[in-house]
Amino acid sequence: MARELSSNWKQLQAQIQAESSPKPDGKTPNTLKRRASSKALASAAKKQKKPVVSKTAAASTSTTVTPRPPPSAAARARRVPADLAARMGAAQSSKVADPARTGPSPSLAAWAAENDVSAESLAEAARRVPADLAARMGAAQSSKVADPARTGPSPSLAAWAAENDVSAESLAEAYGLGLPGNAMLAEPEKENAGRTPGLDVGKYVALDCEMVGVGEGGYESVLARVSLVDFHGRQVYDSFVRPREKVTDWRTAVSGIAPRKMRLARDFEDVQAEVAELLQDRILIGHDVKHDLDALQLTHSIKDIRDTSKFPGFRRYGNGKKPALRKLAEEILKVEIQQGAHSSVEDAKVTMALFRRHKPAFDVDNTNRFPAFAPGARSAAKKPKKKKK
């Protein structure tokens, strides 16, 4: 058995050695087949297209992408909102901006001329406007009501406005900011809170009052509550007023005034003085505001009054008479007010919302009525008389 295995092993080694040694007549058939197959594979590989590798993929395989750090607070503050950049004519892409569009828009230029603000000052304001200015000025960026504590301008913009004698209301109007008319109505009122502390009132205030009846039958009206709101609908002042005469008709169903609310009411003289201070050098907005001023025993320059009951654009809602505030709110603002007892704070907010909705038309009407007080108007200088010889 061992001899047979040894013999087979020797025959196998001899066969392997014979196949591995070169033959004089050339190449073996197996070798030719292998070389032919390798040539075929090479030609097929040449015909096959090379896969295209994108530069991005190549870069990702060779290098590691490092995430960019988040921008600093200063960098974010320098960003201008997209709509503001468009209003200012700023380029929104890397292409060279059209020289004809590098200036302010026509509406913004008209506003600047009216408020005596130069184009350079507007550009400076745009650079100082932070990305969240819309929220700070009260612009609603979602369906939620903006935080009332953040409806004022940012500190840097307020400093610029004070330096250039530009009010926050004018900035809001120029850049299309500020709370929408209906959004300002959602802010809850603070009954009998007096003057709101720390509030920059601005140029415009809306006034509304509630009355009670005195005298025989209660037909004579006297002041029982007064409220003021600013351009953004924020409550500036609210107070119950203690009547100086005996009340014969509280008119609670309409006025919302009841005897129990008079316990913390302020004296008429104190309220009158505080309201007079708030109205000084400001534009007064009201609905049939003469009756409110008469109840307060105050006067106001007629050129500085914007009365929604007398505005020509609202006449069609009155059927030949003065339109009711409730009707204007329903038709223009699409809100319902005065369903029960009235609120002077709510009525003042609605009046301001109506004014803001049609402010350009109010301004045109006021300019037509008082051209001598229009922005930029100058009285003609009298020519000096010639001396007689």
Protein backbone atom coordinates (compact mmCIF):
# COMPACT_ATOMS: atom_id res chain seq x y z
CA MET A 1 0.00 0.00 0.00
CA ALA A 2 2.82 2.39 0.88
CA ARG A 3 4.72 1.55 -2.30
CA GLU A 4 1.62 2.18 -4.43
CA LEU A 5 1.09 5.65 -2.85
CA SER A 6 4.73 6.57 -3.34
CA SER A 7 4.56 5.58 -7.00
CA ASN A 8 1.43 7.64 -7.61
CA TRP A 9 3.00 10.63 -5.87
CA LYS A 10 6.07 10.46 -8.11
CA GLN A 11 3.93 10.26 -11.26
CA LEU A 12 1.95 13.34 -10.16
CA GLN A 13 5.11 15.36 -9.54
CA ALA A 14 6.49 14.38 -12.95
CA GLN A 15 3.28 15.46 -14.68
CA ILE A 16 3.29 18.85 -12.92
CA GLN A 17 6.93 19.43 -13.82
CA ALA A 18 6.27 18.55 -17.46
CA GLU A 19 3.38 20.98 -17.75
CA SER A 20 5.32 23.84 -16.12
CA SER A 21 8.42 23.46 -18.32
CA PRO A 22 8.40 25.33 -21.74
CA LYS A 23 8.00 23.26 -24.91
CA PRO A 24 10.20 23.81 -27.98
CA ASP A 25 7.29 24.13 -30.42
CA GLY A 26 5.88 27.28 -28.75
CA LYS A 27 2.96 27.93 -26.41
CA THR A 28 0.52 25.43 -24.97
CA PRO A 29 -3.16 25.55 -25.94
CA ASN A 30 -4.20 26.39 -22.37
CA THR A 31 -1.84 29.36 -22.29
CA LEU A 32 -3.20 30.64 -25.60
CA LYS A 33 -6.74 30.38 -24.32
CA ARG A 34 -5.87 32.32 -21.16
CA ARG A 35 -4.12 35.10 -23.13
CA ALA A 36 -6.99 35.33 -25.61
CA SER A 37 -9.49 35.69 -22.82
CA SER A 38 -7.39 38.40 -21.13
CA LYS A 39 -7.22 40.37 -24.41
CA ALA A 40 -10.98 40.13 -24.80
CA LEU A 41 -11.49 41.40 -21.30
CA ALA A 42 -9.10 44.31 -21.92
CA SER A 43 -10.91 45.37 -25.10
CA ALA A 44 -14.27 45.14 -23.37
CA ALA A 45 -12.97 47.29 -20.54
CA LYS A 46 -11.85 49.95 -23.03
CA LYS A 47 -15.27 50.02 -24.68
CA GLN A 48 -17.04 50.38 -21.33
CA LYS A 49 -17.59 54.05 -20.27
CA LYS A 50 -15.93 55.25 -17.17
CA PRO A 51 -18.37 56.26 -14.37
CA VAL A 52 -18.70 60.03 -13.91
CA VAL A 53 -17.89 61.13 -10.40
CA SER A 54 -19.18 64.57 -9.39
CA LYS A 55 -16.83 67.07 -7.88
CA THR A 56 -19.02 67.28 -4.81
CA ALA A 57 -18.85 63.52 -4.28
CA ALA A 58 -15.11 63.50 -4.89
CA ALA A 59 -14.63 66.28 -2.44
CA SER A 60 -16.78 64.50 0.12
CA THR A 61 -14.72 61.34 -0.20
CA SER A 62 -11.40 63.12 0.03
CA THR A 63 -12.10 65.92 2.46
CA THR A 64 -14.20 66.33 5.57
CA VAL A 65 -16.75 69.18 5.51
CA THR A 66 -16.49 71.39 8.56
CA PRO A 67 -19.85 72.93 9.60
CA ARG A 68 -19.90 76.73 9.60
CA PRO A 69 -20.26 78.29 13.02
CA PRO A 70 -23.58 80.09 13.69
CA PRO A 71 -23.50 83.84 13.00
CA SER A 72 -22.85 86.11 15.91
CA ALA A 73 -25.50 88.35 17.41
CA ALA A 74 -23.89 91.38 15.81
CA ALA A 75 -23.98 89.72 12.39
CA ARG A 76 -27.63 88.82 12.79
CA ALA A 77 -28.44 92.37 13.87
CA ARG A 78 -26.93 93.76 10.68
CA ARG A 79 -29.22 91.69 8.49
CA VAL A 80 -32.07 93.60 6.83
CA PRO A 81 -35.43 91.83 6.29
CA ALA A 82 -36.00 90.73 2.69
CA ASP A 83 -39.07 92.90 2.20
CA LEU A 84 -37.30 95.92 3.69
CA ALA A 85 -34.34 95.40 1.37
CA ALA A 86 -36.73 95.27 -1.56
CA ARG A 87 -38.42 98.51 -0.45
CA MET A 88 -35.04 100.16 -0.16
CA GLY A 89 -34.05 98.87 -3.62
CA ALA A 90 -31.31 96.58 -2.35
CA ALA A 91 -30.06 93.74 -4.57
CA GLN A 92 -31.31 90.33 -3.46
CA SER A 93 -28.66 88.29 -5.32
CA SER A 94 -24.96 88.30 -6.02
CA LYS A 95 -25.51 90.07 -9.32
CA VAL A 96 -24.72 93.75 -9.63
CA ALA A 97 -27.77 95.77 -8.64
CA ASP A 98 -29.53 97.85 -11.24
CA PRO A 99 -28.37 101.45 -10.66
CA ALA A 100 -31.91 102.66 -11.28
CA ARG A 101 -33.14 100.64 -8.30
CA THR A 102 -30.55 101.56 -5.73
CA GLY A 103 -32.70 104.39 -4.35
CA PRO A 104 -35.82 104.14 -2.18
CA SER A 105 -39.17 103.16 -3.66
CA PRO A 106 -41.51 105.97 -4.81
CA SER A 107 -43.82 105.54 -1.82
CA LEU A 108 -40.90 105.57 0.59
CA ALA A 109 -39.41 108.60 -1.15
CA ALA A 110 -42.75 110.42 -0.85
CA TRP A 111 -42.90 109.59 2.84
CA ALA A 112 -39.32 110.78 3.33
CA ALA A 113 -40.09 114.07 1.61
CA GLU A 114 -43.18 114.55 3.75
CA ASN A 115 -41.25 113.93 6.96
CA ASP A 116 -38.12 115.82 5.82
CA VAL A 117 -35.92 112.71 5.96
CA SER A 118 -33.00 112.41 3.55
CA ALA A 119 -32.18 109.31 1.50
CA GLU A 120 -28.94 108.95 3.47
CA SER A 121 -30.89 108.83 6.71
CA LEU A 122 -33.19 106.18 5.27
CA ALA A 123 -30.21 104.08 4.24
CA GLU A 124 -28.72 104.48 7.72
CA ALA A 125 -32.03 103.36 9.23
CA ALA A 126 -32.07 100.29 7.00
CA ARG A 127 -28.59 99.33 8.17
CA ARG A 128 -29.66 99.63 11.79
CA VAL A 129 -32.88 97.64 11.45
CA PRO A 130 -32.38 94.21 13.06
CA ALA A 131 -33.88 91.07 11.56
CA ASP A 132 -36.55 90.88 14.26
CA LEU A 133 -37.61 94.53 13.93
CA ALA A 134 -40.94 93.49 12.49
CA ALA A 135 -41.74 91.66 15.71
CA ARG A 136 -40.44 94.54 17.84
CA MET A 137 -42.58 97.01 15.90
CA GLY A 138 -45.57 94.79 16.31
CA ALA A 139 -45.70 93.07 12.95
CA ALA A 140 -47.56 89.77 13.14
CA GLN A 141 -45.28 87.07 11.75
CA SER A 142 -47.80 84.31 12.47
CA SER A 143 -51.40 83.84 13.46
CA LYS A 144 -50.52 84.59 17.07
CA VAL A 145 -50.83 88.08 18.47
CA ALA A 146 -47.46 89.79 18.90
CA ASP A 147 -46.13 90.36 22.38
CA PRO A 148 -47.33 93.87 23.34
CA ALA A 149 -44.14 94.48 25.29
CA ARG A 150 -42.10 94.16 22.08
CA THR A 151 -44.11 96.44 19.78
CA GLY A 152 -41.72 99.37 20.18
CA PRO A 153 -38.60 100.00 18.12
CA SER A 154 -35.26 98.49 19.00
CA PRO A 155 -32.87 100.66 21.06
CA SER A 156 -30.57 101.37 18.11
CA LEU A 157 -33.45 102.33 15.82
CA ALA A 158 -35.04 104.44 18.54
CA ALA A 159 -31.74 106.30 18.95
CA TRP A 160 -31.54 106.90 15.20
CA ALA A 161 -35.18 108.08 15.10
CA ALA A 162 -34.62 110.49 17.98
CA GLU A 163 -31.49 111.84 16.31
CA ASN A 164 -33.35 112.47 13.04
CA ASP A 165 -36.63 113.59 14.66
CA VAL A 166 -38.58 110.65 13.19
CA SER A 167 -41.37 109.04 15.20
CA ALA A 168 -41.83 105.30 15.65
CA GLU A 169 -45.20 105.59 13.91
CA SER A 170 -43.54 107.10 10.83
CA LEU A 171 -41.01 104.27 10.75
CA ALA A 172 -43.76 101.68 11.04
CA GLU A 173 -45.71 103.35 8.25
CA ALA A 174 -42.67 103.71 5.98
CA TYR A 175 -41.58 100.09 6.31
CA GLY A 176 -45.05 98.56 6.41
CA LEU A 177 -44.67 97.43 10.02
CA GLY A 178 -46.96 97.54 13.00
CA LEU A 179 -49.82 95.40 14.20
CA PRO A 180 -52.63 94.72 11.74
CA GLY A 181 -55.84 96.54 12.57
CA ASN A 182 -57.65 93.50 13.92
CA ALA A 183 -54.67 92.17 15.88
CA MET A 184 -54.56 95.23 18.14
CA LEU A 185 -58.10 94.47 19.31
CA ALA A 186 -56.98 91.20 20.90
CA GLU A 187 -54.93 92.88 23.64
CA PRO A 188 -56.92 92.78 26.91
CA GLU A 189 -57.70 96.11 28.51
CA LYS A 190 -56.63 97.15 31.99
CA GLU A 191 -59.64 98.81 33.52
CA ASN A 192 -59.08 102.02 35.50
CA ALA A 193 -55.29 101.58 35.33
CA GLY A 194 -54.52 105.27 34.82
CA ARG A 195 -51.54 106.09 32.64
CA THR A 196 -49.51 103.11 31.46
CA PRO A 197 -45.97 103.49 32.88
CA GLY A 198 -42.89 103.35 30.65
CA LEU A 199 -44.82 103.59 27.37
CA ASP A 200 -43.50 105.80 24.57
CA VAL A 201 -46.78 107.27 23.38
CA GLY A 202 -45.67 108.61 20.00
CA LYS A 203 -47.33 111.10 17.68
CA TYR A 204 -50.87 109.68 17.40
CA VAL A 205 -53.47 108.93 20.11
CA ALA A 206 -57.08 107.79 19.85
CA LEU A 207 -59.63 109.00 22.41
CA ASP A 208 -63.00 107.65 23.47
CA CYS A 209 -65.26 108.37 26.44
CA GLU A 210 -68.27 106.84 28.17
CA MET A 211 -71.05 108.98 29.63
CA VAL A 212 -73.73 108.73 32.30
CA GLY A 213 -76.90 110.78 32.65
CA VAL A 214 -77.53 113.58 35.13
CA GLY A 215 -80.38 115.98 35.72
CA GLU A 216 -84.08 115.30 35.44
CA GLY A 217 -84.65 112.16 33.41
CA GLY A 218 -80.88 111.61 32.97
CA TYR A 219 -80.83 113.20 29.53
CA GLU A 220 -77.78 115.36 30.14
CA SER A 221 -74.50 113.51 29.60
CA VAL A 222 -71.41 113.84 31.79
CA LEU A 223 -68.05 112.09 31.68
CA ALA A 224 -67.72 108.78 33.55
CA ARG A 225 -64.79 107.05 31.79
CA VAL A 226 -62.03 108.10 29.40
CA SER A 227 -59.56 105.95 27.45
CA LEU A 228 -56.64 106.60 25.10
CA VAL A 229 -54.59 104.22 22.94
CA ASP A 230 -51.49 104.85 20.83
CA PHE A 231 -50.78 104.24 17.13
CA HIS A 232 -50.20 100.51 17.79
CA GLY A 233 -53.42 100.10 19.76
CA ARG A 234 -51.64 99.89 23.11
CA GLN A 235 -53.56 101.26 26.07
CA VAL A 236 -52.10 104.60 27.08
CA TYR A 237 -54.63 105.74 29.66
CA ASP A 238 -57.88 104.54 31.22
CA SER A 239 -59.77 105.93 34.17
CA PHE A 240 -63.22 106.10 35.66
CA VAL A 241 -64.27 109.67 36.40
CA ARG A 242 -66.28 110.65 39.45
CA PRO A 243 -69.19 112.83 38.23
CA ARG A 244 -69.50 116.20 39.94
CA GLU A 245 -73.30 116.00 39.79
CA LYS A 246 -75.74 113.41 41.02
CA VAL A 247 -76.16 110.61 38.50
CA THR A 248 -79.79 109.96 37.61
CA ASP A 249 -79.16 107.38 34.87
CA TRP A 250 -76.07 105.18 34.89
CA ARG A 251 -76.88 103.79 31.42
CA THR A 252 -75.15 100.58 32.49
CA ALA A 253 -76.51 98.51 29.62
CA VAL A 254 -74.77 100.83 27.15
CA SER A 255 -71.93 102.52 29.03
CA GLY A 256 -70.88 99.60 31.22
CA ILE A 257 -70.66 102.03 34.14
CA ALA A 258 -72.14 100.99 37.48
CA PRO A 259 -72.13 102.70 40.91
CA ARG A 260 -69.67 100.13 42.31
CA LYS A 261 -67.06 101.21 39.75
CA MET A 262 -67.07 104.74 41.12
CA ARG A 263 -65.41 103.69 44.37
CA LEU A 264 -61.95 103.92 42.78
CA ALA A 265 -62.82 106.63 40.27
CA ARG A 266 -60.59 109.71 39.95
CA ASP A 267 -61.71 113.30 40.29
CA PHE A 268 -62.66 115.11 37.10
CA GLU A 269 -59.96 117.77 37.49
CA ASP A 270 -57.19 115.17 37.82
CA VAL A 271 -58.34 113.21 34.77
CA GLN A 272 -58.76 116.39 32.74
CA ALA A 273 -55.18 117.49 33.49
CA GLU A 274 -53.70 114.07 32.64
CA VAL A 275 -55.60 113.81 29.35
CA ALA A 276 -54.68 117.38 28.38
CA GLU A 277 -51.01 116.53 28.87
CA LEU A 278 -51.33 113.42 26.68
CA LEU A 279 -53.07 115.34 23.88
CA GLN A 280 -50.55 118.16 23.76
CA ASP A 281 -48.64 118.37 20.43
CA ARG A 282 -50.18 115.12 19.17
CA ILE A 283 -52.55 114.08 16.40
CA LEU A 284 -55.93 113.19 17.94
CA ILE A 285 -57.96 110.35 16.43
CA GLY A 286 -61.61 109.94 17.40
CA HIS A 287 -65.12 109.13 16.27
CA ASP A 288 -67.31 112.22 16.60
CA VAL A 289 -64.56 113.38 18.90
CA LYS A 290 -66.07 116.82 19.54
CA HIS A 291 -68.49 115.29 22.07
CA ASP A 292 -65.59 113.66 23.93
CA LEU A 293 -63.66 116.93 24.06
CA ASP A 294 -66.75 118.77 25.27
CA ALA A 295 -67.22 116.21 28.05
CA LEU A 296 -63.59 116.75 29.08
CA GLN A 297 -63.99 120.52 28.68
CA LEU A 298 -60.90 120.57 26.48
CA THR A 299 -60.07 121.95 23.06
CA HIS A 300 -57.68 120.71 20.38
CA SER A 301 -56.36 122.25 17.19
CA ILE A 302 -58.72 121.29 14.36
CA LYS A 303 -55.82 120.67 11.98
CA ASP A 304 -54.53 118.01 14.39
CA ILE A 305 -57.82 116.07 14.56
CA ARG A 306 -58.69 113.04 12.42
CA ASP A 307 -62.39 112.25 12.89
CA THR A 308 -63.59 108.93 11.47
CA SER A 309 -67.22 110.11 11.58
CA LYS A 310 -66.43 112.98 9.17
CA PHE A 311 -63.94 111.27 6.86
CA PRO A 312 -65.20 111.50 3.24
CA GLY A 313 -64.14 107.93 2.49
CA PHE A 314 -66.56 106.57 5.12
CA ARG A 315 -69.66 108.56 4.12
CA ARG A 316 -71.18 105.73 2.09
CA TYR A 317 -71.54 103.68 5.28
CA GLY A 318 -73.80 106.28 6.91
CA ASN A 319 -76.66 106.50 4.38
CA GLY A 320 -76.47 110.27 4.37
CA LYS A 321 -75.73 110.52 8.09
CA LYS A 322 -72.61 110.14 10.17
CA PRO A 323 -71.62 106.46 10.02
CA ALA A 324 -71.79 104.60 13.32
CA LEU A 325 -68.52 103.25 14.69
CA ARG A 326 -70.12 99.82 14.96
CA LYS A 327 -71.03 99.91 11.27
CA LEU A 328 -67.52 100.96 10.22
CA ALA A 329 -65.96 98.18 12.31
CA GLU A 330 -68.26 95.60 10.75
CA GLU A 331 -67.88 96.75 7.13
CA ILE A 332 -64.18 97.71 7.06
CA LEU A 333 -62.48 95.72 9.82
CA LYS A 334 -64.87 92.75 9.70
CA VAL A 335 -65.24 92.73 13.49
CA GLU A 336 -68.27 93.10 15.72
CA ILE A 337 -68.19 95.53 18.63
CA GLN A 338 -70.68 97.01 21.08
CA GLN A 339 -72.65 93.77 21.30
CA GLY A 340 -73.44 94.56 24.92
CA ALA A 341 -72.09 97.27 27.17
CA HIS A 342 -69.60 99.55 25.43
CA SER A 343 -65.92 99.73 26.30
CA SER A 344 -64.14 103.02 25.68
CA VAL A 345 -60.82 101.17 25.33
CA GLU A 346 -62.23 98.90 22.64
CA ASP A 347 -63.86 101.81 20.81
CA ALA A 348 -60.59 103.77 20.87
CA LYS A 349 -58.72 100.76 19.42
CA VAL A 350 -61.28 100.37 16.63
CA THR A 351 -61.06 104.08 15.82
CA MET A 352 -57.27 103.87 15.59
CA ALA A 353 -57.48 100.73 13.45
CA LEU A 354 -59.83 102.51 11.02
CA PHE A 355 -57.48 105.48 10.83
CA ARG A 356 -54.45 103.28 10.21
CA ARG A 357 -56.25 101.31 7.51
CA HIS A 358 -56.87 104.54 5.55
CA LYS A 359 -54.13 106.81 6.88
CA PRO A 360 -52.81 107.99 3.47
CA ALA A 361 -56.33 109.10 2.49
CA PHE A 362 -56.77 110.83 5.87
CA ASP A 363 -53.50 112.70 5.29
CA VAL A 364 -54.55 113.80 1.80
CA ASP A 365 -57.92 115.01 3.08
CA ASN A 366 -56.26 116.96 5.88
CA THR A 367 -53.76 118.52 3.45
CA ASN A 368 -56.60 119.62 1.17
CA ARG A 369 -58.45 121.19 4.08
CA PHE A 370 -55.40 122.88 5.58
CA PRO A 371 -52.89 123.46 2.74
CA ALA A 372 -51.01 126.08 4.71
CA PHE A 373 -50.00 123.41 7.25
CA ALA A 374 -49.00 120.78 4.70
CA PRO A 375 -45.42 119.44 4.99
CA GLY A 376 -43.06 121.68 3.06
CA ALA A 377 -45.61 124.49 2.68
CA ARG A 378 -44.16 127.95 3.18
CA SER A 379 -45.97 131.21 3.45
CA ALA A 380 -45.19 133.69 0.72
CA ALA A 381 -42.85 136.37 1.94
CA LYS A 382 -44.20 139.87 1.73
CA LYS A 383 -42.38 142.10 -0.64
CA PRO A 384 -40.88 145.15 1.00
CA LYS A 385 -42.64 148.36 0.13
CA LYS A 386 -40.71 150.88 -1.88
CA LYS A 387 -40.02 154.10 -0.15
CA LYS A 388 -41.54 157.12 -1.77
CA LYS A 389 -39.07 159.71 -2.92
